[in-house]
N, C-alpha and C. Protein backbone atom coordinates (compact mmCIF):
# COMPACT_ATOMS: atom_id res chain seq x y z
N MET A 1 113.54 113.17 80.34
CA MET A 1 114.20 111.94 80.77
C MET A 1 114.33 110.99 79.57
N THR A 2 115.50 110.40 79.42
CA THR A 2 115.70 109.42 78.36
C THR A 2 115.37 108.01 78.88
N PRO A 3 115.12 107.07 77.97
CA PRO A 3 114.89 105.70 78.42
C PRO A 3 116.07 105.15 79.22
N GLU A 4 117.27 105.53 78.82
CA GLU A 4 118.46 105.05 79.54
C GLU A 4 118.48 105.59 80.97
N GLN A 5 118.11 106.84 81.14
CA GLN A 5 118.03 107.42 82.48
C GLN A 5 116.91 106.75 83.29
N ALA A 6 115.79 106.49 82.63
CA ALA A 6 114.67 105.83 83.29
C ALA A 6 115.07 104.45 83.79
N SER A 7 115.78 103.71 82.92
CA SER A 7 116.20 102.36 83.31
C SER A 7 117.22 102.40 84.44
N ALA A 8 118.12 103.37 84.41
CA ALA A 8 119.11 103.49 85.48
C ALA A 8 118.43 103.75 86.82
N GLN A 9 117.43 104.63 86.81
CA GLN A 9 116.72 104.92 88.06
C GLN A 9 115.88 103.74 88.49
N SER A 10 115.26 103.04 87.54
CA SER A 10 114.49 101.84 87.87
C SER A 10 115.39 100.77 88.48
N GLU A 11 116.59 100.64 87.94
CA GLU A 11 117.52 99.65 88.48
C GLU A 11 117.91 99.99 89.92
N ASP A 12 118.15 101.27 90.18
CA ASP A 12 118.47 101.68 91.55
C ASP A 12 117.33 101.32 92.50
N ILE A 13 116.10 101.53 92.07
CA ILE A 13 114.95 101.21 92.90
C ILE A 13 114.84 99.70 93.11
N CYS A 14 115.04 98.94 92.04
CA CYS A 14 114.95 97.48 92.13
C CYS A 14 116.03 96.89 93.05
N ARG A 15 117.14 97.58 93.17
CA ARG A 15 118.24 97.08 94.00
C ARG A 15 118.08 97.45 95.49
N LEU A 16 117.04 98.19 95.82
CA LEU A 16 116.85 98.58 97.22
C LEU A 16 116.55 97.39 98.12
N ALA A 17 115.86 96.38 97.58
CA ALA A 17 115.48 95.21 98.37
C ALA A 17 115.15 94.07 97.41
N PRO A 18 115.16 92.83 97.89
CA PRO A 18 114.84 91.71 97.00
C PRO A 18 113.38 91.70 96.53
N VAL A 19 112.51 92.36 97.28
CA VAL A 19 111.07 92.32 96.98
C VAL A 19 110.49 93.73 96.95
N ILE A 20 109.69 93.99 95.92
CA ILE A 20 108.88 95.20 95.87
C ILE A 20 107.44 94.77 96.17
N PRO A 21 106.88 95.21 97.29
CA PRO A 21 105.49 94.87 97.58
C PRO A 21 104.54 95.44 96.52
N VAL A 22 103.65 94.61 96.03
CA VAL A 22 102.61 95.04 95.09
C VAL A 22 101.33 95.18 95.88
N LEU A 23 100.86 96.41 96.03
CA LEU A 23 99.82 96.73 97.00
C LEU A 23 98.52 97.15 96.33
N VAL A 24 97.44 96.50 96.72
CA VAL A 24 96.09 96.90 96.31
C VAL A 24 95.39 97.37 97.58
N VAL A 25 95.32 98.69 97.76
CA VAL A 25 94.84 99.27 99.02
C VAL A 25 93.53 100.00 98.77
N LYS A 26 92.52 99.63 99.54
CA LYS A 26 91.19 100.20 99.34
C LYS A 26 90.88 101.39 100.24
N ASP A 27 91.68 101.56 101.29
CA ASP A 27 91.40 102.61 102.28
C ASP A 27 92.68 103.40 102.55
N ALA A 28 92.67 104.67 102.18
CA ALA A 28 93.87 105.49 102.34
C ALA A 28 94.18 105.81 103.79
N SER A 29 93.21 105.63 104.68
CA SER A 29 93.44 106.00 106.08
C SER A 29 94.51 105.14 106.75
N SER A 30 94.73 103.94 106.23
CA SER A 30 95.75 103.06 106.81
C SER A 30 97.02 103.03 105.98
N ALA A 31 97.08 103.83 104.91
CA ALA A 31 98.19 103.74 103.96
C ALA A 31 99.54 104.05 104.59
N ALA A 32 99.60 105.12 105.37
CA ALA A 32 100.87 105.51 105.97
C ALA A 32 101.36 104.44 106.94
N ASP A 33 100.44 103.88 107.73
CA ASP A 33 100.82 102.83 108.67
C ASP A 33 101.35 101.60 107.94
N LEU A 34 100.70 101.26 106.83
CA LEU A 34 101.15 100.11 106.03
C LEU A 34 102.54 100.38 105.47
N ALA A 35 102.74 101.57 104.93
CA ALA A 35 104.06 101.91 104.39
C ALA A 35 105.13 101.86 105.46
N ARG A 36 104.84 102.41 106.62
CA ARG A 36 105.82 102.39 107.73
C ARG A 36 106.17 100.96 108.12
N ALA A 37 105.17 100.08 108.15
CA ALA A 37 105.41 98.69 108.54
C ALA A 37 106.33 97.99 107.53
N LEU A 38 106.10 98.24 106.25
CA LEU A 38 106.91 97.61 105.21
C LEU A 38 108.33 98.17 105.19
N VAL A 39 108.44 99.49 105.30
CA VAL A 39 109.76 100.12 105.32
C VAL A 39 110.55 99.66 106.54
N LYS A 40 109.88 99.58 107.67
CA LYS A 40 110.53 99.11 108.91
C LYS A 40 111.08 97.70 108.74
N GLY A 41 110.36 96.88 107.98
CA GLY A 41 110.81 95.50 107.74
C GLY A 41 111.90 95.38 106.71
N GLY A 42 112.23 96.48 106.03
CA GLY A 42 113.33 96.45 105.08
C GLY A 42 112.93 96.47 103.63
N LEU A 43 111.67 96.85 103.35
CA LEU A 43 111.20 96.93 101.97
C LEU A 43 110.79 98.37 101.67
N PRO A 44 111.71 99.20 101.20
CA PRO A 44 111.42 100.62 101.01
C PRO A 44 110.68 100.95 99.71
N ALA A 45 110.86 100.15 98.67
CA ALA A 45 110.20 100.42 97.39
C ALA A 45 108.81 99.80 97.40
N LEU A 46 107.79 100.62 97.18
CA LEU A 46 106.41 100.17 97.31
C LEU A 46 105.65 100.49 96.03
N GLU A 47 105.01 99.49 95.46
CA GLU A 47 104.19 99.69 94.26
C GLU A 47 102.72 99.69 94.65
N VAL A 48 102.07 100.83 94.49
CA VAL A 48 100.63 100.95 94.75
C VAL A 48 99.91 100.82 93.42
N THR A 49 99.15 99.77 93.25
CA THR A 49 98.46 99.57 91.98
C THR A 49 97.26 100.49 91.87
N LEU A 50 97.05 101.01 90.67
CA LEU A 50 95.90 101.90 90.44
C LEU A 50 94.66 101.07 90.12
N ARG A 51 94.31 100.21 91.07
CA ARG A 51 93.17 99.31 90.87
C ARG A 51 92.01 99.64 91.81
N THR A 52 92.18 100.64 92.63
CA THR A 52 91.11 101.03 93.55
C THR A 52 90.89 102.53 93.45
N ASP A 53 89.70 102.96 93.88
CA ASP A 53 89.38 104.39 93.85
C ASP A 53 90.28 105.18 94.78
N ALA A 54 90.83 104.50 95.79
CA ALA A 54 91.65 105.19 96.79
C ALA A 54 93.13 105.25 96.41
N ALA A 55 93.51 104.64 95.30
CA ALA A 55 94.93 104.44 95.00
C ALA A 55 95.75 105.72 95.00
N LEU A 56 95.24 106.78 94.38
CA LEU A 56 96.02 108.02 94.32
C LEU A 56 96.17 108.65 95.70
N ASP A 57 95.12 108.57 96.51
CA ASP A 57 95.23 109.06 97.89
C ASP A 57 96.20 108.21 98.69
N VAL A 58 96.23 106.91 98.41
CA VAL A 58 97.18 106.01 99.07
C VAL A 58 98.62 106.43 98.74
N ILE A 59 98.85 106.73 97.47
CA ILE A 59 100.19 107.17 97.07
C ILE A 59 100.56 108.46 97.79
N ARG A 60 99.62 109.40 97.90
CA ARG A 60 99.88 110.66 98.59
C ARG A 60 100.26 110.41 100.06
N GLU A 61 99.52 109.54 100.70
CA GLU A 61 99.78 109.25 102.12
C GLU A 61 101.12 108.52 102.30
N MET A 62 101.36 107.54 101.47
CA MET A 62 102.60 106.77 101.60
C MET A 62 103.83 107.61 101.27
N SER A 63 103.65 108.59 100.41
CA SER A 63 104.78 109.44 100.02
C SER A 63 105.31 110.28 101.17
N THR A 64 104.54 110.37 102.25
CA THR A 64 104.98 111.15 103.42
C THR A 64 105.82 110.32 104.38
N VAL A 65 105.91 109.02 104.13
CA VAL A 65 106.61 108.12 105.06
C VAL A 65 108.11 108.15 104.78
N GLU A 66 108.87 108.46 105.81
CA GLU A 66 110.32 108.56 105.67
C GLU A 66 110.93 107.21 105.29
N GLY A 67 111.81 107.24 104.31
CA GLY A 67 112.50 106.03 103.90
C GLY A 67 111.80 105.26 102.81
N GLY A 68 110.58 105.65 102.47
CA GLY A 68 109.83 104.93 101.45
C GLY A 68 110.04 105.54 100.07
N VAL A 69 109.98 104.69 99.05
CA VAL A 69 110.01 105.13 97.65
C VAL A 69 108.76 104.55 97.00
N VAL A 70 107.77 105.39 96.80
CA VAL A 70 106.45 104.93 96.40
C VAL A 70 106.25 105.10 94.90
N GLY A 71 105.79 104.03 94.27
CA GLY A 71 105.51 104.06 92.84
C GLY A 71 104.07 103.69 92.56
N ALA A 72 103.66 103.92 91.32
CA ALA A 72 102.30 103.61 90.88
C ALA A 72 102.33 102.47 89.89
N GLY A 73 101.55 101.43 90.18
CA GLY A 73 101.46 100.29 89.28
C GLY A 73 100.18 100.32 88.47
N THR A 74 100.11 99.42 87.49
CA THR A 74 98.96 99.32 86.60
C THR A 74 98.72 100.63 85.84
N LEU A 75 99.79 101.25 85.39
CA LEU A 75 99.66 102.42 84.52
C LEU A 75 99.18 101.96 83.15
N LEU A 76 98.04 102.49 82.71
CA LEU A 76 97.45 102.06 81.44
C LEU A 76 97.32 103.18 80.42
N THR A 77 97.25 104.42 80.89
CA THR A 77 97.03 105.55 79.99
C THR A 77 97.94 106.71 80.37
N PRO A 78 98.16 107.66 79.47
CA PRO A 78 98.91 108.86 79.82
C PRO A 78 98.26 109.62 80.99
N ALA A 79 96.95 109.58 81.08
CA ALA A 79 96.28 110.23 82.20
C ALA A 79 96.66 109.57 83.53
N ASP A 80 96.81 108.26 83.52
CA ASP A 80 97.27 107.55 84.73
C ASP A 80 98.66 108.03 85.12
N VAL A 81 99.51 108.20 84.14
CA VAL A 81 100.88 108.64 84.39
C VAL A 81 100.90 109.99 85.07
N GLN A 82 100.15 110.94 84.52
CA GLN A 82 100.14 112.29 85.08
C GLN A 82 99.52 112.31 86.46
N ALA A 83 98.43 111.55 86.65
CA ALA A 83 97.79 111.51 87.96
C ALA A 83 98.72 110.91 89.01
N ALA A 84 99.45 109.86 88.62
CA ALA A 84 100.39 109.23 89.55
C ALA A 84 101.51 110.18 89.92
N LYS A 85 102.04 110.87 88.91
CA LYS A 85 103.11 111.84 89.15
C LYS A 85 102.62 112.94 90.07
N ASP A 86 101.44 113.46 89.83
CA ASP A 86 100.88 114.53 90.65
C ASP A 86 100.64 114.08 92.10
N ALA A 87 100.35 112.78 92.27
CA ALA A 87 100.10 112.26 93.61
C ALA A 87 101.38 112.01 94.40
N GLY A 88 102.53 112.08 93.71
CA GLY A 88 103.80 111.91 94.41
C GLY A 88 104.55 110.64 94.08
N ALA A 89 104.08 109.88 93.08
CA ALA A 89 104.78 108.65 92.70
C ALA A 89 106.19 108.95 92.21
N LYS A 90 107.14 108.13 92.63
CA LYS A 90 108.54 108.30 92.23
C LYS A 90 108.93 107.37 91.08
N PHE A 91 108.09 106.41 90.78
CA PHE A 91 108.32 105.53 89.64
C PHE A 91 106.98 104.95 89.20
N GLY A 92 106.97 104.39 87.99
CA GLY A 92 105.76 103.79 87.47
C GLY A 92 106.01 102.38 87.00
N VAL A 93 104.94 101.58 87.01
CA VAL A 93 105.02 100.19 86.56
C VAL A 93 103.80 99.93 85.67
N SER A 94 104.05 99.30 84.53
CA SER A 94 102.94 98.98 83.64
C SER A 94 102.92 97.48 83.34
N PRO A 95 101.72 96.89 83.19
CA PRO A 95 101.64 95.45 82.93
C PRO A 95 102.22 95.05 81.58
N GLY A 96 102.13 95.97 80.63
CA GLY A 96 102.74 95.80 79.32
C GLY A 96 103.40 97.11 78.94
N ALA A 97 103.53 97.36 77.65
CA ALA A 97 104.15 98.62 77.24
C ALA A 97 103.57 99.08 75.91
N THR A 98 103.22 100.35 75.85
CA THR A 98 102.80 100.95 74.59
C THR A 98 103.62 102.23 74.39
N ASP A 99 103.68 102.68 73.16
CA ASP A 99 104.42 103.91 72.89
C ASP A 99 103.84 105.09 73.67
N ARG A 100 102.51 105.13 73.82
CA ARG A 100 101.88 106.24 74.52
C ARG A 100 102.27 106.25 76.00
N ILE A 101 102.28 105.08 76.62
CA ILE A 101 102.68 105.00 78.03
C ILE A 101 104.15 105.37 78.20
N ILE A 102 104.99 104.80 77.35
CA ILE A 102 106.43 105.09 77.43
C ILE A 102 106.69 106.58 77.27
N ASP A 103 106.11 107.16 76.23
CA ASP A 103 106.34 108.58 75.96
C ASP A 103 105.81 109.46 77.08
N ALA A 104 104.66 109.10 77.65
CA ALA A 104 104.08 109.89 78.74
C ALA A 104 104.97 109.87 79.97
N CYS A 105 105.55 108.70 80.28
CA CYS A 105 106.43 108.60 81.44
C CYS A 105 107.72 109.39 81.23
N LEU A 106 108.28 109.29 80.03
CA LEU A 106 109.51 110.02 79.74
C LEU A 106 109.26 111.53 79.81
N GLU A 107 108.11 111.96 79.28
CA GLU A 107 107.78 113.38 79.31
C GLU A 107 107.56 113.88 80.73
N ALA A 108 107.00 113.01 81.58
CA ALA A 108 106.72 113.38 82.96
C ALA A 108 107.91 113.17 83.89
N ASP A 109 109.03 112.70 83.35
CA ASP A 109 110.21 112.37 84.16
C ASP A 109 109.86 111.36 85.25
N LEU A 110 109.06 110.36 84.87
CA LEU A 110 108.68 109.30 85.80
C LEU A 110 109.36 108.01 85.34
N PRO A 111 110.35 107.51 86.10
CA PRO A 111 111.02 106.26 85.72
C PRO A 111 109.99 105.14 85.56
N LEU A 112 110.06 104.42 84.46
CA LEU A 112 109.07 103.39 84.16
C LEU A 112 109.71 102.01 84.18
N LEU A 113 109.01 101.07 84.83
CA LEU A 113 109.35 99.65 84.77
C LEU A 113 108.30 99.02 83.86
N PRO A 114 108.60 98.92 82.57
CA PRO A 114 107.59 98.46 81.60
C PRO A 114 107.51 96.94 81.56
N GLY A 115 106.30 96.44 81.35
CA GLY A 115 106.09 95.01 81.36
C GLY A 115 106.36 94.34 80.02
N ALA A 116 106.93 93.15 80.08
CA ALA A 116 107.16 92.32 78.90
C ALA A 116 106.89 90.86 79.27
N ALA A 117 106.25 90.13 78.34
CA ALA A 117 105.94 88.73 78.60
C ALA A 117 106.64 87.79 77.63
N THR A 118 107.14 88.34 76.52
CA THR A 118 107.77 87.51 75.49
C THR A 118 109.12 88.10 75.09
N ALA A 119 109.88 87.30 74.37
CA ALA A 119 111.17 87.78 73.88
C ALA A 119 110.99 88.96 72.93
N SER A 120 109.96 88.91 72.10
CA SER A 120 109.72 90.01 71.16
C SER A 120 109.41 91.30 71.90
N GLU A 121 108.59 91.21 72.95
CA GLU A 121 108.26 92.41 73.72
C GLU A 121 109.50 92.95 74.43
N ALA A 122 110.31 92.05 74.97
CA ALA A 122 111.54 92.47 75.65
C ALA A 122 112.49 93.13 74.65
N MET A 123 112.57 92.59 73.44
CA MET A 123 113.43 93.16 72.41
C MET A 123 112.94 94.53 71.97
N TYR A 124 111.62 94.69 71.86
CA TYR A 124 111.07 96.00 71.51
C TYR A 124 111.46 97.04 72.55
N LEU A 125 111.30 96.68 73.83
CA LEU A 125 111.65 97.62 74.90
C LEU A 125 113.15 97.91 74.90
N LEU A 126 113.95 96.91 74.59
CA LEU A 126 115.40 97.11 74.49
C LEU A 126 115.71 98.09 73.37
N GLU A 127 115.02 97.97 72.25
CA GLU A 127 115.21 98.91 71.14
C GLU A 127 114.85 100.34 71.56
N ARG A 128 113.86 100.46 72.46
CA ARG A 128 113.45 101.77 72.94
C ARG A 128 114.41 102.31 74.00
N GLY A 129 115.34 101.46 74.45
CA GLY A 129 116.33 101.91 75.41
C GLY A 129 116.11 101.43 76.83
N PHE A 130 115.13 100.55 77.04
CA PHE A 130 114.81 100.07 78.39
C PHE A 130 115.52 98.75 78.66
N THR A 131 116.53 98.80 79.52
CA THR A 131 117.28 97.59 79.88
C THR A 131 116.81 96.98 81.19
N VAL A 132 115.87 97.63 81.86
CA VAL A 132 115.27 97.10 83.08
C VAL A 132 113.77 96.99 82.83
N GLN A 133 113.23 95.77 82.97
CA GLN A 133 111.85 95.52 82.61
C GLN A 133 111.15 94.65 83.66
N LYS A 134 109.84 94.66 83.60
CA LYS A 134 109.02 93.79 84.45
C LYS A 134 108.64 92.56 83.63
N PHE A 135 108.87 91.37 84.16
CA PHE A 135 108.43 90.14 83.52
C PHE A 135 107.08 89.78 84.10
N PHE A 136 106.02 89.91 83.28
CA PHE A 136 104.66 89.76 83.79
C PHE A 136 103.74 89.18 82.72
N PRO A 137 102.80 88.30 83.15
CA PRO A 137 102.70 87.66 84.46
C PRO A 137 103.68 86.49 84.56
N ALA A 138 104.51 86.52 85.54
CA ALA A 138 105.67 85.63 85.60
C ALA A 138 105.31 84.15 85.60
N GLU A 139 104.52 83.73 86.57
CA GLU A 139 104.21 82.30 86.67
C GLU A 139 103.39 81.81 85.48
N ALA A 140 102.45 82.60 85.01
CA ALA A 140 101.63 82.20 83.87
C ALA A 140 102.44 82.08 82.58
N ASN A 141 103.59 82.75 82.55
CA ASN A 141 104.44 82.72 81.36
C ASN A 141 105.61 81.76 81.49
N GLY A 142 105.50 80.81 82.39
CA GLY A 142 106.53 79.79 82.49
C GLY A 142 107.44 79.89 83.69
N GLY A 143 107.24 80.93 84.50
CA GLY A 143 107.97 81.04 85.74
C GLY A 143 109.47 81.25 85.57
N ALA A 144 110.21 80.84 86.58
CA ALA A 144 111.66 81.04 86.58
C ALA A 144 112.36 80.36 85.40
N PRO A 145 111.96 79.15 84.98
CA PRO A 145 112.62 78.54 83.83
C PRO A 145 112.49 79.39 82.56
N ALA A 146 111.32 79.99 82.37
CA ALA A 146 111.12 80.84 81.19
C ALA A 146 111.99 82.08 81.26
N LEU A 147 112.05 82.68 82.43
CA LEU A 147 112.87 83.88 82.58
C LEU A 147 114.35 83.56 82.42
N LYS A 148 114.76 82.42 82.93
CA LYS A 148 116.15 81.99 82.79
C LYS A 148 116.52 81.82 81.32
N SER A 149 115.56 81.35 80.52
CA SER A 149 115.84 81.11 79.10
C SER A 149 116.06 82.40 78.32
N LEU A 150 115.64 83.54 78.89
CA LEU A 150 115.86 84.83 78.22
C LEU A 150 117.24 85.41 78.52
N ALA A 151 117.91 84.86 79.53
CA ALA A 151 119.17 85.45 79.98
C ALA A 151 120.27 85.35 78.93
N SER A 152 120.38 84.21 78.25
CA SER A 152 121.47 84.03 77.29
C SER A 152 121.30 84.89 76.04
N PRO A 153 120.12 84.86 75.39
CA PRO A 153 119.99 85.68 74.18
C PRO A 153 119.82 87.18 74.45
N LEU A 154 119.38 87.54 75.67
CA LEU A 154 119.14 88.95 76.00
C LEU A 154 119.87 89.32 77.29
N PRO A 155 121.20 89.21 77.30
CA PRO A 155 121.95 89.45 78.54
C PRO A 155 121.93 90.91 78.99
N GLN A 156 121.53 91.81 78.10
CA GLN A 156 121.52 93.24 78.45
C GLN A 156 120.36 93.60 79.38
N ILE A 157 119.35 92.73 79.46
CA ILE A 157 118.12 93.08 80.17
C ILE A 157 118.09 92.46 81.56
N ARG A 158 117.68 93.27 82.53
CA ARG A 158 117.42 92.80 83.89
C ARG A 158 115.93 92.93 84.15
N PHE A 159 115.39 91.98 84.92
CA PHE A 159 113.95 91.91 85.12
C PHE A 159 113.53 91.98 86.60
N CYS A 160 112.29 92.42 86.79
CA CYS A 160 111.58 92.26 88.04
C CYS A 160 110.36 91.40 87.74
N PRO A 161 110.43 90.09 87.97
CA PRO A 161 109.27 89.23 87.71
C PRO A 161 108.16 89.47 88.73
N THR A 162 106.95 89.55 88.23
CA THR A 162 105.77 89.81 89.06
C THR A 162 104.60 89.00 88.51
N GLY A 163 103.74 88.55 89.42
CA GLY A 163 102.57 87.79 89.00
C GLY A 163 102.71 86.33 89.39
N GLY A 164 102.12 85.98 90.52
CA GLY A 164 102.23 84.61 91.01
C GLY A 164 103.48 84.34 91.80
N VAL A 165 104.26 85.38 92.09
CA VAL A 165 105.48 85.20 92.87
C VAL A 165 105.13 85.16 94.35
N SER A 166 105.72 84.23 95.06
CA SER A 166 105.44 84.03 96.49
C SER A 166 106.74 83.82 97.25
N LEU A 167 106.62 83.75 98.56
CA LEU A 167 107.81 83.47 99.37
C LEU A 167 108.44 82.14 98.97
N LYS A 168 107.62 81.19 98.56
CA LYS A 168 108.11 79.86 98.21
C LYS A 168 108.92 79.87 96.92
N ASN A 169 108.44 80.58 95.89
CA ASN A 169 109.14 80.51 94.61
C ASN A 169 110.04 81.72 94.33
N ALA A 170 109.98 82.73 95.19
CA ALA A 170 110.83 83.92 94.99
C ALA A 170 112.31 83.57 94.87
N PRO A 171 112.84 82.64 95.69
CA PRO A 171 114.27 82.30 95.56
C PRO A 171 114.63 81.75 94.18
N ASP A 172 113.69 81.07 93.52
CA ASP A 172 113.97 80.54 92.18
C ASP A 172 114.24 81.68 91.20
N TYR A 173 113.49 82.76 91.34
CA TYR A 173 113.70 83.92 90.48
C TYR A 173 114.96 84.70 90.88
N LEU A 174 115.11 84.92 92.18
CA LEU A 174 116.22 85.75 92.67
C LEU A 174 117.58 85.13 92.42
N SER A 175 117.61 83.82 92.17
CA SER A 175 118.89 83.16 91.89
C SER A 175 119.33 83.34 90.44
N LEU A 176 118.45 83.89 89.60
CA LEU A 176 118.77 84.03 88.18
C LEU A 176 119.66 85.25 87.94
N PRO A 177 120.55 85.17 86.97
CA PRO A 177 121.45 86.30 86.70
C PRO A 177 120.75 87.52 86.13
N ASN A 178 119.56 87.33 85.54
CA ASN A 178 118.85 88.45 84.93
C ASN A 178 117.69 88.97 85.78
N THR A 179 117.69 88.62 87.08
CA THR A 179 116.65 89.11 87.99
C THR A 179 117.26 90.07 89.00
N LEU A 180 116.69 91.27 89.07
CA LEU A 180 117.13 92.26 90.06
C LEU A 180 116.37 92.10 91.37
N CYS A 181 115.07 91.88 91.28
CA CYS A 181 114.21 91.73 92.45
C CYS A 181 112.92 91.10 91.95
N VAL A 182 111.99 90.84 92.86
CA VAL A 182 110.68 90.33 92.46
C VAL A 182 109.60 91.26 93.02
N GLY A 183 108.43 91.20 92.41
CA GLY A 183 107.28 91.92 92.94
C GLY A 183 106.29 90.93 93.50
N GLY A 184 105.75 91.21 94.68
CA GLY A 184 104.82 90.26 95.29
C GLY A 184 103.87 90.92 96.26
N SER A 185 102.71 90.33 96.40
CA SER A 185 101.68 90.88 97.29
C SER A 185 101.61 90.15 98.62
N TRP A 186 102.37 89.06 98.76
CA TRP A 186 102.22 88.24 99.97
C TRP A 186 102.69 88.95 101.25
N VAL A 187 103.48 89.99 101.10
CA VAL A 187 104.01 90.67 102.28
C VAL A 187 102.98 91.58 102.95
N ALA A 188 101.86 91.82 102.26
CA ALA A 188 100.82 92.68 102.84
C ALA A 188 99.45 92.07 102.58
N PRO A 189 99.16 90.90 103.15
CA PRO A 189 97.87 90.26 102.92
C PRO A 189 96.71 91.11 103.44
N GLY A 190 95.60 91.05 102.73
CA GLY A 190 94.46 91.89 103.05
C GLY A 190 93.95 91.73 104.46
N ASN A 191 93.97 90.50 104.98
CA ASN A 191 93.44 90.30 106.33
C ASN A 191 94.27 91.01 107.38
N LEU A 192 95.59 91.05 107.19
CA LEU A 192 96.45 91.75 108.15
C LEU A 192 96.30 93.26 108.01
N VAL A 193 96.15 93.73 106.77
CA VAL A 193 95.95 95.17 106.56
C VAL A 193 94.63 95.60 107.19
N ASP A 194 93.58 94.82 106.95
CA ASP A 194 92.26 95.16 107.51
C ASP A 194 92.29 95.16 109.03
N ALA A 195 93.09 94.24 109.59
CA ALA A 195 93.17 94.14 111.06
C ALA A 195 94.13 95.16 111.66
N GLY A 196 94.89 95.84 110.81
CA GLY A 196 95.88 96.80 111.31
C GLY A 196 97.00 96.12 112.07
N ASP A 197 97.31 94.89 111.69
CA ASP A 197 98.37 94.14 112.37
C ASP A 197 99.71 94.49 111.73
N TRP A 198 100.20 95.67 112.05
CA TRP A 198 101.40 96.18 111.40
C TRP A 198 102.66 95.42 111.81
N SER A 199 102.68 94.91 113.01
CA SER A 199 103.86 94.15 113.44
C SER A 199 103.98 92.86 112.65
N ALA A 200 102.85 92.23 112.33
CA ALA A 200 102.89 91.01 111.53
C ALA A 200 103.35 91.31 110.11
N ILE A 201 102.93 92.44 109.56
CA ILE A 201 103.36 92.83 108.22
C ILE A 201 104.85 93.16 108.22
N THR A 202 105.32 93.82 109.27
CA THR A 202 106.76 94.10 109.38
C THR A 202 107.55 92.80 109.42
N ALA A 203 107.03 91.79 110.11
CA ALA A 203 107.71 90.50 110.17
C ALA A 203 107.77 89.84 108.80
N LEU A 204 106.67 89.91 108.05
CA LEU A 204 106.66 89.37 106.69
C LEU A 204 107.65 90.12 105.79
N ALA A 205 107.69 91.44 105.96
CA ALA A 205 108.61 92.24 105.17
C ALA A 205 110.07 91.89 105.49
N ALA A 206 110.36 91.70 106.77
CA ALA A 206 111.73 91.37 107.18
C ALA A 206 112.13 90.00 106.60
N GLU A 207 111.19 89.07 106.59
CA GLU A 207 111.46 87.75 106.01
C GLU A 207 111.77 87.88 104.52
N ALA A 208 111.01 88.72 103.84
CA ALA A 208 111.23 88.92 102.40
C ALA A 208 112.54 89.67 102.14
N ALA A 209 112.84 90.65 102.98
CA ALA A 209 114.05 91.44 102.81
C ALA A 209 115.32 90.61 103.01
N ALA A 210 115.17 89.49 103.71
CA ALA A 210 116.34 88.64 103.99
C ALA A 210 116.57 87.59 102.89
N LEU A 211 115.70 87.55 101.88
CA LEU A 211 115.90 86.59 100.81
C LEU A 211 117.22 86.86 100.08
N PRO A 212 118.00 85.83 99.81
CA PRO A 212 119.27 86.03 99.10
C PRO A 212 119.04 86.32 97.63
N ARG A 213 119.97 87.08 97.05
CA ARG A 213 119.92 87.35 95.60
C ARG A 213 121.33 87.61 95.10
C-alpha cells in the first residue's frame, strides 16, 4: 500500500460520519453490543484505542458487527500494527507519526490516520504522501482556530481533530474547510457502557451523526 492509497482509504472512512467514536473499552464481553449501538445511531467508523488489556479482543468482537468499520487507535510500535491487523482492524490511528509506524502500516496494508500537532509535523506527513491526518491533541493545541490557521498554507491536507472534542465544540471544527470529521469519546461514556444502556448510546450516536459538516 502506498501513502496515497492509505490516505484515500482514510478519507473514505472519515467521510462515513461526522464523528468517529474514540473508545477505551475494558471488557470485550460488551464490545459487540456497544458497536451495534453506535452503528445503529449512524456512526459506523469506530476507533478502539489500544489502552486496555482487552483492546485486541474488543476489536475482534466489534469486527463481527455488520455495518461497522473498526480501527485501532494509539498505535505506537510496529508490533501494535501487526497485532491490530491480526485482530481485524480495518484502519489505524496514531497520536503522532514515526517512520517505523508509517512503514509498518504500509507494509501491513493498514490505512493509517497519522497524528500531527504542528505545521512542521503536518508538512513532514505531506512529504511522505499523507494528505489525511489526525490533528491531536486538538484542544490543547489551540482548538478550531489553530486548525483553521493551517488551512491556507496547507490546503492539500484534511484533518480529523481529536482530543478534547465534545458535542459543544465539534461544530466549530466541522465547519472548517480542512476538517473531514472529528474524533470523540462523548458518544460512549463509561457509565452508560458499564450499565449496558445501549439505547442511550444509540441516541448519543444519532445526535452526533446529525451534526452538520
